[in-house]
Amino acid sequence: MKTLYDSELKELARKLRKTSAKAEIKLWINVKGKQLMGYDFHRQKPIDSYIVDFFCNKLKLAVELDGSTHGFEKVFERDKRKEQGLKELGIAVLRYKDNDVINNIEGVLEDIKSCIRKIENKHTP
């Protein structure tokens, strides 16, 4: 599936990759280069009018990380709209708090693997 996106987001995505939070870097170290069950994940990927933290095109799976700013109502509402928009595009969304990634990376990776297995099982005839 070719991922369509607003072309203006491409430069913003590049900037976001250069200014990644500690949790994003820690998760990226563990999913880049097809390390996670052989699936190719991309970081700060533009999709439609959004940028997702991590995305696997083959699985149609987005992984979002929530930092300290995600306690604010305005940010929460924006994230809910983003998640709904992605779901309408047929993309599953997993969401983790930065602290969970930093303090329990193995648990986060196991949860992502569990989701991948569910997606694989859906597509197995």
PDB file of N, CA and C in Angstrom:
ATOM      1  N   MET A   1       0.839  -1.178   0.000  1.00  0.00           N
ATOM      2  CA  MET A   1       0.000   0.000   0.000  1.00  0.00           C
ATOM      3  C   MET A   1       0.882   1.239   0.000  1.00  0.00           C
ATOM      4  N   LYS A   2       0.647   2.121  -0.919  1.00  0.00           N
ATOM      5  CA  LYS A   2       1.374   3.387  -0.945  1.00  0.00           C
ATOM      6  C   LYS A   2       0.736   4.321   0.080  1.00  0.00           C
ATOM      7  N   THR A   3       1.543   4.916   0.931  1.00  0.00           N
ATOM      8  CA  THR A   3       1.050   5.802   1.968  1.00  0.00           C
ATOM      9  C   THR A   3       0.991   7.219   1.438  1.00  0.00           C
ATOM     10  N   LEU A   4      -0.213   7.769   1.377  1.00  0.00           N
ATOM     11  CA  LEU A   4      -0.392   9.142   0.914  1.00  0.00           C
ATOM     12  C   LEU A   4      -0.295  10.091   2.099  1.00  0.00           C
ATOM     13  N   TYR A   5       0.232  11.294   1.842  1.00  0.00           N
ATOM     14  CA  TYR A   5       0.357  12.262   2.919  1.00  0.00           C
ATOM     15  C   TYR A   5       0.449  13.670   2.343  1.00  0.00           C
ATOM     16  N   ASP A   6       0.206  14.640   3.194  1.00  0.00           N
ATOM     17  CA  ASP A   6       0.345  16.049   2.853  1.00  0.00           C
ATOM     18  C   ASP A   6       1.844  16.316   2.678  1.00  0.00           C
ATOM     19  N   SER A   7       2.250  16.728   1.482  1.00  0.00           N
ATOM     20  CA  SER A   7       3.678  16.890   1.177  1.00  0.00           C
ATOM     21  C   SER A   7       4.371  17.904   2.089  1.00  0.00           C
ATOM     22  N   GLU A   8       3.638  18.834   2.660  1.00  0.00           N
ATOM     23  CA  GLU A   8       4.238  19.821   3.564  1.00  0.00           C
ATOM     24  C   GLU A   8       4.715  19.176   4.869  1.00  0.00           C
ATOM     25  N   LEU A   9       4.210  17.990   5.166  1.00  0.00           N
ATOM     26  CA  LEU A   9       4.600  17.319   6.401  1.00  0.00           C
ATOM     27  C   LEU A   9       5.972  16.652   6.314  1.00  0.00           C
ATOM     28  N   LYS A  10       6.475  16.463   5.110  1.00  0.00           N
ATOM     29  CA  LYS A  10       7.744  15.751   4.940  1.00  0.00           C
ATOM     30  C   LYS A  10       8.895  16.460   5.663  1.00  0.00           C
ATOM     31  N   GLU A  11       8.995  17.753   5.520  1.00  0.00           N
ATOM     32  CA  GLU A  11      10.065  18.511   6.172  1.00  0.00           C
ATOM     33  C   GLU A  11       9.892  18.526   7.687  1.00  0.00           C
ATOM     34  N   LEU A  12       8.648  18.656   8.146  1.00  0.00           N
ATOM     35  CA  LEU A  12       8.389  18.627   9.583  1.00  0.00           C
ATOM     36  C   LEU A  12       8.785  17.270  10.162  1.00  0.00           C
ATOM     37  N   ALA A  13       8.489  16.197   9.456  1.00  0.00           N
ATOM     38  CA  ALA A  13       8.858  14.852   9.906  1.00  0.00           C
ATOM     39  C   ALA A  13      10.382  14.735  10.028  1.00  0.00           C
ATOM     40  N   ARG A  14      11.109  15.302   9.081  1.00  0.00           N
ATOM     41  CA  ARG A  14      12.583  15.280   9.152  1.00  0.00           C
ATOM     42  C   ARG A  14      13.078  15.989  10.416  1.00  0.00           C
ATOM     43  N   LYS A  15      12.473  17.154  10.698  1.00  0.00           N
ATOM     44  CA  LYS A  15      12.874  17.908  11.890  1.00  0.00           C
ATOM     45  C   LYS A  15      12.562  17.122  13.158  1.00  0.00           C
ATOM     46  N   LEU A  16      11.414  16.458  13.190  1.00  0.00           N
ATOM     47  CA  LEU A  16      11.048  15.669  14.358  1.00  0.00           C
ATOM     48  C   LEU A  16      12.013  14.507  14.583  1.00  0.00           C
ATOM     49  N   ARG A  17      12.493  13.912  13.489  1.00  0.00           N
ATOM     50  CA  ARG A  17      13.457  12.814  13.626  1.00  0.00           C
ATOM     51  C   ARG A  17      14.767  13.314  14.236  1.00  0.00           C
ATOM     52  N   LYS A  18      15.121  14.557  13.940  1.00  0.00           N
ATOM     53  CA  LYS A  18      16.376  15.115  14.457  1.00  0.00           C
ATOM     54  C   LYS A  18      16.270  15.539  15.915  1.00  0.00           C
ATOM     55  N   THR A  19      15.040  15.725  16.405  1.00  0.00           N
ATOM     56  CA  THR A  19      14.848  16.205  17.780  1.00  0.00           C
ATOM     57  C   THR A  19      14.059  15.193  18.613  1.00  0.00           C
ATOM     58  N   SER A  20      14.334  13.938  18.423  1.00  0.00           N
ATOM     59  CA  SER A  20      13.581  12.868  19.087  1.00  0.00           C
ATOM     60  C   SER A  20      13.767  12.885  20.593  1.00  0.00           C
ATOM     61  N   ALA A  21      12.700  12.529  21.295  1.00  0.00           N
ATOM     62  CA  ALA A  21      12.738  12.382  22.748  1.00  0.00           C
ATOM     63  C   ALA A  21      13.470  11.085  23.097  1.00  0.00           C
ATOM     64  N   LYS A  22      13.915  10.996  24.338  1.00  0.00           N
ATOM     65  CA  LYS A  22      14.662   9.824  24.808  1.00  0.00           C
ATOM     66  C   LYS A  22      13.876   8.526  24.586  1.00  0.00           C
ATOM     67  N   ALA A  23      12.578   8.547  24.868  1.00  0.00           N
ATOM     68  CA  ALA A  23      11.757   7.339  24.700  1.00  0.00           C
ATOM     69  C   ALA A  23      11.681   6.928  23.234  1.00  0.00           C
ATOM     70  N   GLU A  24      11.560   7.904  22.332  1.00  0.00           N
ATOM     71  CA  GLU A  24      11.520   7.587  20.900  1.00  0.00           C
ATOM     72  C   GLU A  24      12.818   6.924  20.453  1.00  0.00           C
ATOM     73  N   ILE A  25      13.929   7.450  20.919  1.00  0.00           N
ATOM     74  CA  ILE A  25      15.230   6.883  20.552  1.00  0.00           C
ATOM     75  C   ILE A  25      15.346   5.458  21.074  1.00  0.00           C
ATOM     76  N   LYS A  26      14.910   5.239  22.314  1.00  0.00           N
ATOM     77  CA  LYS A  26      15.009   3.906  22.910  1.00  0.00           C
ATOM     78  C   LYS A  26      14.157   2.900  22.143  1.00  0.00           C
ATOM     79  N   LEU A  27      12.931   3.289  21.769  1.00  0.00           N
ATOM     80  CA  LEU A  27      12.091   2.373  21.004  1.00  0.00           C
ATOM     81  C   LEU A  27      12.668   2.161  19.611  1.00  0.00           C
ATOM     82  N   TRP A  28      13.153   3.222  18.984  1.00  0.00           N
ATOM     83  CA  TRP A  28      13.721   3.123  17.640  1.00  0.00           C
ATOM     84  C   TRP A  28      14.895   2.141  17.601  1.00  0.00           C
ATOM     85  N   ILE A  29      15.747   2.190  18.598  1.00  0.00           N
ATOM     86  CA  ILE A  29      16.898   1.278  18.672  1.00  0.00           C
ATOM     87  C   ILE A  29      16.426  -0.176  18.613  1.00  0.00           C
ATOM     88  N   ASN A  30      15.225  -0.437  19.121  1.00  0.00           N
ATOM     89  CA  ASN A  30      14.712  -1.800  19.202  1.00  0.00           C
ATOM     90  C   ASN A  30      13.830  -2.231  18.031  1.00  0.00           C
ATOM     91  N   VAL A  31      13.417  -1.291  17.177  1.00  0.00           N
ATOM     92  CA  VAL A  31      12.532  -1.688  16.063  1.00  0.00           C
ATOM     93  C   VAL A  31      13.138  -1.425  14.688  1.00  0.00           C
ATOM     94  N   LYS A  32      14.192  -0.615  14.619  1.00  0.00           N
ATOM     95  CA  LYS A  32      14.763  -0.294  13.306  1.00  0.00           C
ATOM     96  C   LYS A  32      15.419  -1.518  12.678  1.00  0.00           C
ATOM     97  N   GLY A  33      15.561  -1.471  11.370  1.00  0.00           N
ATOM     98  CA  GLY A  33      16.258  -2.543  10.663  1.00  0.00           C
ATOM     99  C   GLY A  33      15.574  -3.895  10.753  1.00  0.00           C
ATOM    100  N   LYS A  34      14.278  -3.886  10.800  1.00  0.00           N
ATOM    101  CA  LYS A  34      13.474  -5.127  10.831  1.00  0.00           C
ATOM    102  C   LYS A  34      13.797  -6.010  12.042  1.00  0.00           C
ATOM    103  N   GLN A  35      14.209  -5.393  13.149  1.00  0.00           N
ATOM    104  CA  GLN A  35      14.536  -6.154  14.359  1.00  0.00           C
ATOM    105  C   GLN A  35      13.309  -6.756  15.027  1.00  0.00           C
ATOM    106  N   LEU A  36      12.168  -6.136  14.837  1.00  0.00           N
ATOM    107  CA  LEU A  36      10.956  -6.589  15.519  1.00  0.00           C
ATOM    108  C   LEU A  36      10.182  -7.539  14.621  1.00  0.00           C
ATOM    109  N   MET A  37      10.420  -8.813  14.804  1.00  0.00           N
ATOM    110  CA  MET A  37       9.726  -9.880  14.084  1.00  0.00           C
ATOM    111  C   MET A  37       9.855  -9.759  12.563  1.00  0.00           C
ATOM    112  N   GLY A  38      10.935  -9.109  12.114  1.00  0.00           N
ATOM    113  CA  GLY A  38      11.197  -8.987  10.686  1.00  0.00           C
ATOM    114  C   GLY A  38      10.404  -7.900   9.974  1.00  0.00           C
ATOM    115  N   TYR A  39       9.716  -7.040  10.727  1.00  0.00           N
ATOM    116  CA  TYR A  39       8.907  -5.990  10.114  1.00  0.00           C
ATOM    117  C   TYR A  39       9.661  -4.668  10.047  1.00  0.00           C
ATOM    118  N   ASP A  40       9.437  -3.950   8.957  1.00  0.00           N
ATOM    119  CA  ASP A  40      10.097  -2.681   8.678  1.00  0.00           C
ATOM    120  C   ASP A  40       9.281  -1.529   9.264  1.00  0.00           C
ATOM    121  N   PHE A  41       9.820  -0.872  10.283  1.00  0.00           N
ATOM    122  CA  PHE A  41       9.169   0.293  10.886  1.00  0.00           C
ATOM    123  C   PHE A  41       9.880   1.565  10.437  1.00  0.00           C
ATOM    124  N   HIS A  42       9.114   2.612  10.277  1.00  0.00           N
ATOM    125  CA  HIS A  42       9.646   3.931   9.952  1.00  0.00           C
ATOM    126  C   HIS A  42       9.326   4.868  11.102  1.00  0.00           C
ATOM    127  N   ARG A  43      10.185   5.863  11.272  1.00  0.00           N
ATOM    128  CA  ARG A  43      10.039   6.815  12.377  1.00  0.00           C
ATOM    129  C   ARG A  43       9.559   8.159  11.847  1.00  0.00           C
ATOM    130  N   GLN A  44       8.653   8.799  12.594  1.00  0.00           N
ATOM    131  CA  GLN A  44       8.095  10.099  12.218  1.00  0.00           C
ATOM    132  C   GLN A  44       7.608  10.054  10.762  1.00  0.00           C
ATOM    133  N   LYS A  45       6.640   9.202  10.528  1.00  0.00           N
ATOM    134  CA  LYS A  45       6.130   8.918   9.183  1.00  0.00           C
ATOM    135  C   LYS A  45       4.880   9.737   8.886  1.00  0.00           C
ATOM    136  N   PRO A  46       4.921  10.560   7.836  1.00  0.00           N
ATOM    137  CA  PRO A  46       3.707  11.277   7.426  1.00  0.00           C
ATOM    138  C   PRO A  46       2.691  10.302   6.821  1.00  0.00           C
ATOM    139  N   ILE A  47       1.451  10.404   7.290  1.00  0.00           N
ATOM    140  CA  ILE A  47       0.335   9.623   6.761  1.00  0.00           C
ATOM    141  C   ILE A  47      -0.862  10.552   6.709  1.00  0.00           C
ATOM    142  N   ASP A  48      -1.416  10.737   5.516  1.00  0.00           N
ATOM    143  CA  ASP A  48      -2.555  11.628   5.334  1.00  0.00           C
ATOM    144  C   ASP A  48      -2.166  13.016   5.859  1.00  0.00           C
ATOM    145  N   SER A  49      -2.886  13.547   6.844  1.00  0.00           N
ATOM    146  CA  SER A  49      -2.545  14.862   7.387  1.00  0.00           C
ATOM    147  C   SER A  49      -1.898  14.750   8.768  1.00  0.00           C
ATOM    148  N   TYR A  50      -1.339  13.589   9.062  1.00  0.00           N
ATOM    149  CA  TYR A  50      -0.739  13.310  10.372  1.00  0.00           C
ATOM    150  C   TYR A  50       0.726  12.897  10.219  1.00  0.00           C
ATOM    151  N   ILE A  51       1.433  12.938  11.345  1.00  0.00           N
ATOM    152  CA  ILE A  51       2.758  12.326  11.439  1.00  0.00           C
ATOM    153  C   ILE A  51       2.685  11.372  12.618  1.00  0.00           C
ATOM    154  N   VAL A  52       2.993  10.092  12.367  1.00  0.00           N
ATOM    155  CA  VAL A  52       2.973   9.110  13.455  1.00  0.00           C
ATOM    156  C   VAL A  52       4.402   8.838  13.898  1.00  0.00           C
ATOM    157  N   ASP A  53       4.555   8.515  15.179  1.00  0.00           N
ATOM    158  CA  ASP A  53       5.893   8.307  15.731  1.00  0.00           C
ATOM    159  C   ASP A  53       6.601   7.131  15.059  1.00  0.00           C
ATOM    160  N   PHE A  54       5.895   5.993  14.938  1.00  0.00           N
ATOM    161  CA  PHE A  54       6.458   4.799  14.291  1.00  0.00           C
ATOM    162  C   PHE A  54       5.359   4.176  13.440  1.00  0.00           C
ATOM    163  N   PHE A  55       5.749   3.634  12.273  1.00  0.00           N
ATOM    164  CA  PHE A  55       4.744   3.062  11.381  1.00  0.00           C
ATOM    165  C   PHE A  55       5.320   1.881  10.610  1.00  0.00           C
ATOM    166  N   CYS A  56       4.528   0.800  10.555  1.00  0.00           N
ATOM    167  CA  CYS A  56       4.850  -0.350   9.726  1.00  0.00           C
ATOM    168  C   CYS A  56       3.785  -0.443   8.646  1.00  0.00           C
ATOM    169  N   ASN A  57       4.191  -0.193   7.423  1.00  0.00           N
ATOM    170  CA  ASN A  57       3.254  -0.175   6.305  1.00  0.00           C
ATOM    171  C   ASN A  57       2.641  -1.554   6.063  1.00  0.00           C
ATOM    172  N   LYS A  58       3.447  -2.589   6.127  1.00  0.00           N
ATOM    173  CA  LYS A  58       2.957  -3.943   5.842  1.00  0.00           C
ATOM    174  C   LYS A  58       1.851  -4.348   6.813  1.00  0.00           C
ATOM    175  N   LEU A  59       2.003  -3.973   8.083  1.00  0.00           N
ATOM    176  CA  LEU A  59       1.012  -4.316   9.100  1.00  0.00           C
ATOM    177  C   LEU A  59      -0.107  -3.284   9.216  1.00  0.00           C
ATOM    178  N   LYS A  60       0.114  -2.117   8.630  1.00  0.00           N
ATOM    179  CA  LYS A  60      -0.786  -0.970   8.828  1.00  0.00           C
ATOM    180  C   LYS A  60      -0.927  -0.708  10.333  1.00  0.00           C
ATOM    181  N   LEU A  61       0.243  -0.571  10.970  1.00  0.00           N
ATOM    182  CA  LEU A  61       0.320  -0.398  12.416  1.00  0.00           C
ATOM    183  C   LEU A  61       1.117   0.853  12.760  1.00  0.00           C
ATOM    184  N   ALA A  62       0.495   1.724  13.540  1.00  0.00           N
ATOM    185  CA  ALA A  62       1.156   2.929  14.036  1.00  0.00           C
ATOM    186  C   ALA A  62       1.396   2.767  15.533  1.00  0.00           C
ATOM    187  N   VAL A  63       2.560   3.227  15.990  1.00  0.00           N
ATOM    188  CA  VAL A  63       2.872   3.240  17.414  1.00  0.00           C
ATOM    189  C   VAL A  63       3.124   4.690  17.797  1.00  0.00           C
ATOM    190  N   GLU A  64       2.359   5.170  18.774  1.00  0.00           N
ATOM    191  CA  GLU A  64       2.467   6.540  19.232  1.00  0.00           C
ATOM    192  C   GLU A  64       2.988   6.568  20.656  1.00  0.00           C
ATOM    193  N   LEU A  65       3.867   7.527  20.956  1.00  0.00           N
ATOM    194  CA  LEU A  65       4.388   7.715  22.301  1.00  0.00           C
ATOM    195  C   LEU A  65       3.870   9.029  22.860  1.00  0.00           C
ATOM    196  N   ASP A  66       3.430   8.982  24.100  1.00  0.00           N
ATOM    197  CA  ASP A  66       2.901  10.165  24.763  1.00  0.00           C
ATOM    198  C   ASP A  66       3.873  10.648  25.815  1.00  0.00           C
ATOM    199  N   GLY A  67       4.343  11.870  25.629  1.00  0.00           N
ATOM    200  CA  GLY A  67       5.273  12.468  26.586  1.00  0.00           C
ATOM    201  C   GLY A  67       4.549  13.242  27.660  1.00  0.00           C
ATOM    202  N   SER A  68       5.265  14.097  28.348  1.00  0.00           N
ATOM    203  CA  SER A  68       4.713  14.837  29.479  1.00  0.00           C
ATOM    204  C   SER A  68       3.629  15.833  29.062  1.00  0.00           C
ATOM    205  N   THR A  69       3.613  16.268  27.811  1.00  0.00           N
ATOM    206  CA  THR A  69       2.605  17.243  27.377  1.00  0.00           C
ATOM    207  C   THR A  69       1.248  16.603  27.158  1.00  0.00           C
ATOM    208  N   HIS A  70       1.180  15.257  27.191  1.00  0.00           N
ATOM    209  CA  HIS A  70      -0.059  14.582  26.844  1.00  0.00           C
ATOM    210  C   HIS A  70      -1.080  14.555  27.971  1.00  0.00           C
ATOM    211  N   GLY A  71      -0.839  15.294  29.064  1.00  0.00           N
ATOM    212  CA  GLY A  71      -1.836  15.396  30.114  1.00  0.00           C
ATOM    213  C   GLY A  71      -2.812  16.526  29.864  1.00  0.00           C
ATOM    214  N   PHE A  72      -2.520  17.383  28.925  1.00  0.00           N
ATOM    215  CA  PHE A  72      -3.357  18.547  28.670  1.00  0.00           C
ATOM    216  C   PHE A  72      -4.534  18.177  27.784  1.00  0.00           C
ATOM    217  N   GLU A  73      -5.693  18.722  28.132  1.00  0.00           N
ATOM    218  CA  GLU A  73      -6.942  18.401  27.426  1.00  0.00           C
ATOM    219  C   GLU A  73      -6.855  18.675  25.933  1.00  0.00           C
ATOM    220  N   LYS A  74      -6.266  19.796  25.546  1.00  0.00           N
ATOM    221  CA  LYS A  74      -6.168  20.155  24.126  1.00  0.00           C
ATOM    222  C   LYS A  74      -5.356  19.105  23.349  1.00  0.00           C
ATOM    223  N   VAL A  75      -4.256  18.678  23.915  1.00  0.00           N
ATOM    224  CA  VAL A  75      -3.409  17.673  23.279  1.00  0.00           C
ATOM    225  C   VAL A  75      -4.146  16.337  23.229  1.00  0.00           C
ATOM    226  N   PHE A  76      -4.836  15.995  24.310  1.00  0.00           N
ATOM    227  CA  PHE A  76      -5.593  14.747  24.372  1.00  0.00           C
ATOM    228  C   PHE A  76      -6.652  14.707  23.262  1.00  0.00           C
ATOM    229  N   GLU A  77      -7.376  15.785  23.077  1.00  0.00           N
ATOM    230  CA  GLU A  77      -8.404  15.841  22.031  1.00  0.00           C
ATOM    231  C   GLU A  77      -7.782  15.728  20.638  1.00  0.00           C
ATOM    232  N   ARG A  78      -6.662  16.389  20.422  1.00  0.00           N
ATOM    233  CA  ARG A  78      -5.981  16.307  19.122  1.00  0.00           C
ATOM    234  C   ARG A  78      -5.526  14.873  18.849  1.00  0.00           C
ATOM    235  N   ASP A  79      -4.997  14.209  19.880  1.00  0.00           N
ATOM    236  CA  ASP A  79      -4.554  12.819  19.737  1.00  0.00           C
ATOM    237  C   ASP A  79      -5.728  11.896  19.434  1.00  0.00           C
ATOM    238  N   LYS A  80      -6.876  12.135  20.072  1.00  0.00           N
ATOM    239  CA  LYS A  80      -8.067  11.323  19.811  1.00  0.00           C
ATOM    240  C   LYS A  80      -8.517  11.476  18.357  1.00  0.00           C
ATOM    241  N   ARG A  81      -8.504  12.700  17.843  1.00  0.00           N
ATOM    242  CA  ARG A  81      -8.885  12.938  16.435  1.00  0.00           C
ATOM    243  C   ARG A  81      -7.894  12.259  15.492  1.00  0.00           C
ATOM    244  N   LYS A  82      -6.627  12.346  15.810  1.00  0.00           N
ATOM    245  CA  LYS A  82      -5.588  11.706  15.002  1.00  0.00           C
ATOM    246  C   LYS A  82      -5.785  10.201  14.978  1.00  0.00           C
ATOM    247  N   GLU A  83      -6.001   9.609  16.145  1.00  0.00           N
ATOM    248  CA  GLU A  83      -6.195   8.170  16.228  1.00  0.00           C
ATOM    249  C   GLU A  83      -7.431   7.738  15.448  1.00  0.00           C
ATOM    250  N   GLN A  84      -8.511   8.498  15.559  1.00  0.00           N
ATOM    251  CA  GLN A  84      -9.728   8.168  14.819  1.00  0.00           C
ATOM    252  C   GLN A  84      -9.487   8.275  13.316  1.00  0.00           C
ATOM    253  N   GLY A  85      -8.780   9.315  12.884  1.00  0.00           N
ATOM    254  CA  GLY A  85      -8.466   9.477  11.461  1.00  0.00           C
ATOM    255  C   GLY A  85      -7.629   8.331  10.927  1.00  0.00           C
ATOM    256  N   LEU A  86      -6.662   7.883  11.708  1.00  0.00           N
ATOM    257  CA  LEU A  86      -5.825   6.758  11.293  1.00  0.00           C
ATOM    258  C   LEU A  86      -6.641   5.470  11.209  1.00  0.00           C
ATOM    259  N   LYS A  87      -7.521   5.262  12.182  1.00  0.00           N
ATOM    260  CA  LYS A  87      -8.377   4.073  12.162  1.00  0.00           C
ATOM    261  C   LYS A  87      -9.278   4.075  10.931  1.00  0.00           C
ATOM    262  N   GLU A  88      -9.756   5.246  10.542  1.00  0.00           N
ATOM    263  CA  GLU A  88     -10.588   5.354   9.339  1.00  0.00           C
ATOM    264  C   GLU A  88      -9.801   4.985   8.084  1.00  0.00           C
ATOM    265  N   LEU A  89      -8.486   5.131   8.142  1.00  0.00           N
ATOM    266  CA  LEU A  89      -7.615   4.736   7.033  1.00  0.00           C
ATOM    267  C   LEU A  89      -7.239   3.255   7.109  1.00  0.00           C
ATOM    268  N   GLY A  90      -7.759   2.557   8.103  1.00  0.00           N
ATOM    269  CA  GLY A  90      -7.461   1.136   8.260  1.00  0.00           C
ATOM    270  C   GLY A  90      -6.174   0.854   9.011  1.00  0.00           C
ATOM    271  N   ILE A  91      -5.696   1.831   9.764  1.00  0.00           N
ATOM    272  CA  ILE A  91      -4.437   1.705  10.498  1.00  0.00           C
ATOM    273  C   ILE A  91      -4.729   1.473  11.977  1.00  0.00           C
ATOM    274  N   ALA A  92      -4.153   0.404  12.521  1.00  0.00           N
ATOM    275  CA  ALA A  92      -4.257   0.135  13.958  1.00  0.00           C
ATOM    276  C   ALA A  92      -3.281   1.054  14.684  1.00  0.00           C
ATOM    277  N   VAL A  93      -3.663   1.501  15.870  1.00  0.00           N
ATOM    278  CA  VAL A  93      -2.825   2.424  16.632  1.00  0.00           C
ATOM    279  C   VAL A  93      -2.570   1.864  18.025  1.00  0.00           C
ATOM    280  N   LEU A  94      -1.296   1.781  18.385  1.00  0.00           N
ATOM    281  CA  LEU A  94      -0.888   1.447  19.743  1.00  0.00           C
ATOM    282  C   LEU A  94      -0.324   2.706  20.372  1.00  0.00           C
ATOM    283  N   ARG A  95      -0.615   2.920  21.646  1.00  0.00           N
ATOM    284  CA  ARG A  95      -0.169   4.129  22.330  1.00  0.00           C
ATOM    285  C   ARG A  95       0.495   3.756  23.652  1.00  0.00           C
ATOM    286  N   TYR A  96       1.688   4.335  23.875  1.00  0.00           N
ATOM    287  CA  TYR A  96       2.441   4.081  25.100  1.00  0.00           C
ATOM    288  C   TYR A  96       2.930   5.403  25.679  1.00  0.00           C
ATOM    289  N   LYS A  97       3.065   5.435  26.986  1.00  0.00           N
ATOM    290  CA  LYS A  97       3.640   6.602  27.660  1.00  0.00           C
ATOM    291  C   LYS A  97       5.166   6.502  27.576  1.00  0.00           C
ATOM    292  N   ASP A  98       5.806   7.657  27.449  1.00  0.00           N
ATOM    293  CA  ASP A  98       7.271   7.700  27.410  1.00  0.00           C
ATOM    294  C   ASP A  98       7.878   6.939  28.580  1.00  0.00           C
ATOM    295  N   ASN A  99       7.323   7.135  29.777  1.00  0.00           N
ATOM    296  CA  ASN A  99       7.870   6.467  30.969  1.00  0.00           C
ATOM    297  C   ASN A  99       7.833   4.951  30.836  1.00  0.00           C
ATOM    298  N   ASP A 100       6.792   4.418  30.203  1.00  0.00           N
ATOM    299  CA  ASP A 100       6.711   2.967  30.008  1.00  0.00           C
ATOM    300  C   ASP A 100       7.839   2.478  29.103  1.00  0.00           C
ATOM    301  N   VAL A 101       8.121   3.238  28.058  1.00  0.00           N
ATOM    302  CA  VAL A 101       9.199   2.855  27.137  1.00  0.00           C
ATOM    303  C   VAL A 101      10.544   2.930  27.850  1.00  0.00           C
ATOM    304  N   ILE A 102      10.762   3.984  28.603  1.00  0.00           N
ATOM    305  CA  ILE A 102      12.045   4.167  29.279  1.00  0.00           C
ATOM    306  C   ILE A 102      12.244   3.132  30.393  1.00  0.00           C
ATOM    307  N   ASN A 103      11.191   2.865  31.169  1.00  0.00           N
ATOM    308  CA  ASN A 103      11.328   1.995  32.339  1.00  0.00           C
ATOM    309  C   ASN A 103      10.964   0.533  32.100  1.00  0.00           C
ATOM    310  N   ASN A 104      10.278   0.243  30.978  1.00  0.00           N
ATOM    311  CA  ASN A 104       9.834  -1.130  30.733  1.00  0.00           C
ATOM    312  C   ASN A 104       9.823  -1.431  29.236  1.00  0.00           C
ATOM    313  N   ILE A 105      10.946  -1.234  28.578  1.00  0.00           N
ATOM    314  CA  ILE A 105      11.023  -1.434  27.133  1.00  0.00           C
ATOM    315  C   ILE A 105      10.655  -2.868  26.752  1.00  0.00           C
ATOM    316  N   GLU A 106      11.063  -3.846  27.553  1.00  0.00           N
ATOM    317  CA  GLU A 106      10.745  -5.242  27.234  1.00  0.00           C
ATOM    318  C   GLU A 106       9.241  -5.476  27.239  1.00  0.00           C
ATOM    319  N   GLY A 107       8.543  -4.897  28.212  1.00  0.00           N
ATOM    320  CA  GLY A 107       7.088  -5.033  28.272  1.00  0.00           C
ATOM    321  C   GLY A 107       6.404  -4.389  27.080  1.00  0.00           C
ATOM    322  N   VAL A 108       6.889  -3.214  26.683  1.00  0.00           N
ATOM    323  CA  VAL A 108       6.340  -2.513  25.519  1.00  0.00           C
ATOM    324  C   VAL A 108       6.569  -3.343  24.261  1.00  0.00           C
ATOM    325  N   LEU A 109       7.781  -3.864  24.095  1.00  0.00           N
ATOM    326  CA  LEU A 109       8.085  -4.675  22.912  1.00  0.00           C
ATOM    327  C   LEU A 109       7.234  -5.942  22.875  1.00  0.00           C
ATOM    328  N   GLU A 110       7.026  -6.570  24.022  1.00  0.00           N
ATOM    329  CA  GLU A 110       6.176  -7.764  24.077  1.00  0.00           C
ATOM    330  C   GLU A 110       4.739  -7.418  23.697  1.00  0.00           C
ATOM    331  N   ASP A 111       4.258  -6.260  24.141  1.00  0.00           N
ATOM    332  CA  ASP A 111       2.907  -5.831  23.794  1.00  0.00           C
ATOM    333  C   ASP A 111       2.777  -5.584  22.292  1.00  0.00           C
ATOM    334  N   ILE A 112       3.780  -4.952  21.700  1.00  0.00           N
ATOM    335  CA  ILE A 112       3.770  -4.713  20.252  1.00  0.00           C
ATOM    336  C   ILE A 112       3.801  -6.055  19.507  1.00  0.00           C
ATOM    337  N   LYS A 113       4.633  -6.978  19.968  1.00  0.00           N
ATOM    338  CA  LYS A 113       4.699  -8.303  19.339  1.00  0.00           C
ATOM    339  C   LYS A 113       3.354  -9.016  19.412  1.00  0.00           C
ATOM    340  N   SER A 114       2.687  -8.904  20.534  1.00  0.00           N
ATOM    341  CA  SER A 114       1.367  -9.515  20.694  1.00  0.00           C
ATOM    342  C   SER A 114       0.379  -8.936  19.685  1.00  0.00           C
ATOM    343  N   CYS A 115       0.427  -7.638  19.497  1.00  0.00           N
ATOM    344  CA  CYS A 115      -0.435  -6.988  18.505  1.00  0.00           C
ATOM    345  C   CYS A 115      -0.089  -7.472  17.100  1.00  0.00           C
ATOM    346  N   ILE A 116       1.196  -7.594  16.807  1.00  0.00           N
ATOM    347  CA  ILE A 116       1.630  -8.076  15.485  1.00  0.00           C
ATOM    348  C   ILE A 116       1.096  -9.481  15.242  1.00  0.00           C
ATOM    349  N   ARG A 117       1.188 -10.344  16.247  1.00  0.00           N
ATOM    350  CA  ARG A 117       0.675 -11.712  16.088  1.00  0.00           C
ATOM    351  C   ARG A 117      -0.822 -11.709  15.795  1.00  0.00           C
ATOM    352  N   LYS A 118      -1.568 -10.835  16.452  1.00  0.00           N
ATOM    353  CA  LYS A 118      -3.010 -10.726  16.203  1.00  0.00           C
ATOM    354  C   LYS A 118      -3.273 -10.288  14.777  1.00  0.00           C
ATOM    355  N   ILE A 119      -2.504  -9.316  14.298  1.00  0.00           N
ATOM    356  CA  ILE A 119      -2.665  -8.832  12.922  1.00  0.00           C
ATOM    357  C   ILE A 119      -2.317  -9.953  11.944  1.00  0.00           C
ATOM    358  N   GLU A 120      -1.220 -10.657  12.206  1.00  0.00           N
ATOM    359  CA  GLU A 120      -0.832 -11.776  11.336  1.00  0.00           C
ATOM    360  C   GLU A 120      -1.930 -12.841  11.286  1.00  0.00           C
ATOM    361  N   ASN A 121      -2.512 -13.163  12.436  1.00  0.00           N
ATOM    362  CA  ASN A 121      -3.560 -14.179  12.500  1.00  0.00           C
ATOM    363  C   ASN A 121      -4.818 -13.766  11.744  1.00  0.00           C
ATOM    364  N   LYS A 122      -5.105 -12.465  11.724  1.00  0.00           N
ATOM    365  CA  LYS A 122      -6.263 -11.964  10.965  1.00  0.00           C
ATOM    366  C   LYS A 122      -6.084 -12.191   9.480  1.00  0.00           C
ATOM    367  N   HIS A 123      -4.847 -12.093   9.018  1.00  0.00           N
ATOM    368  CA  HIS A 123      -4.557 -12.177   7.583  1.00  0.00           C
ATOM    369  C   HIS A 123      -4.174 -13.569   7.123  1.00  0.00           C
ATOM    370  N   THR A 124      -4.163 -14.538   8.042  1.00  0.00           N
ATOM    371  CA  THR A 124      -3.853 -15.911   7.672  1.00  0.00           C
ATOM    372  C   THR A 124      -5.141 -16.607   7.223  1.00  0.00           C
ATOM    373  N   PRO A 125      -5.164 -17.148   6.001  1.00  0.00           N
ATOM    374  CA  PRO A 125      -6.408 -17.789   5.518  1.00  0.00           C
ATOM    375  C   PRO A 125      -6.744 -19.052   6.272  1.00  0.00           C
TER     376      PRO A 125
END
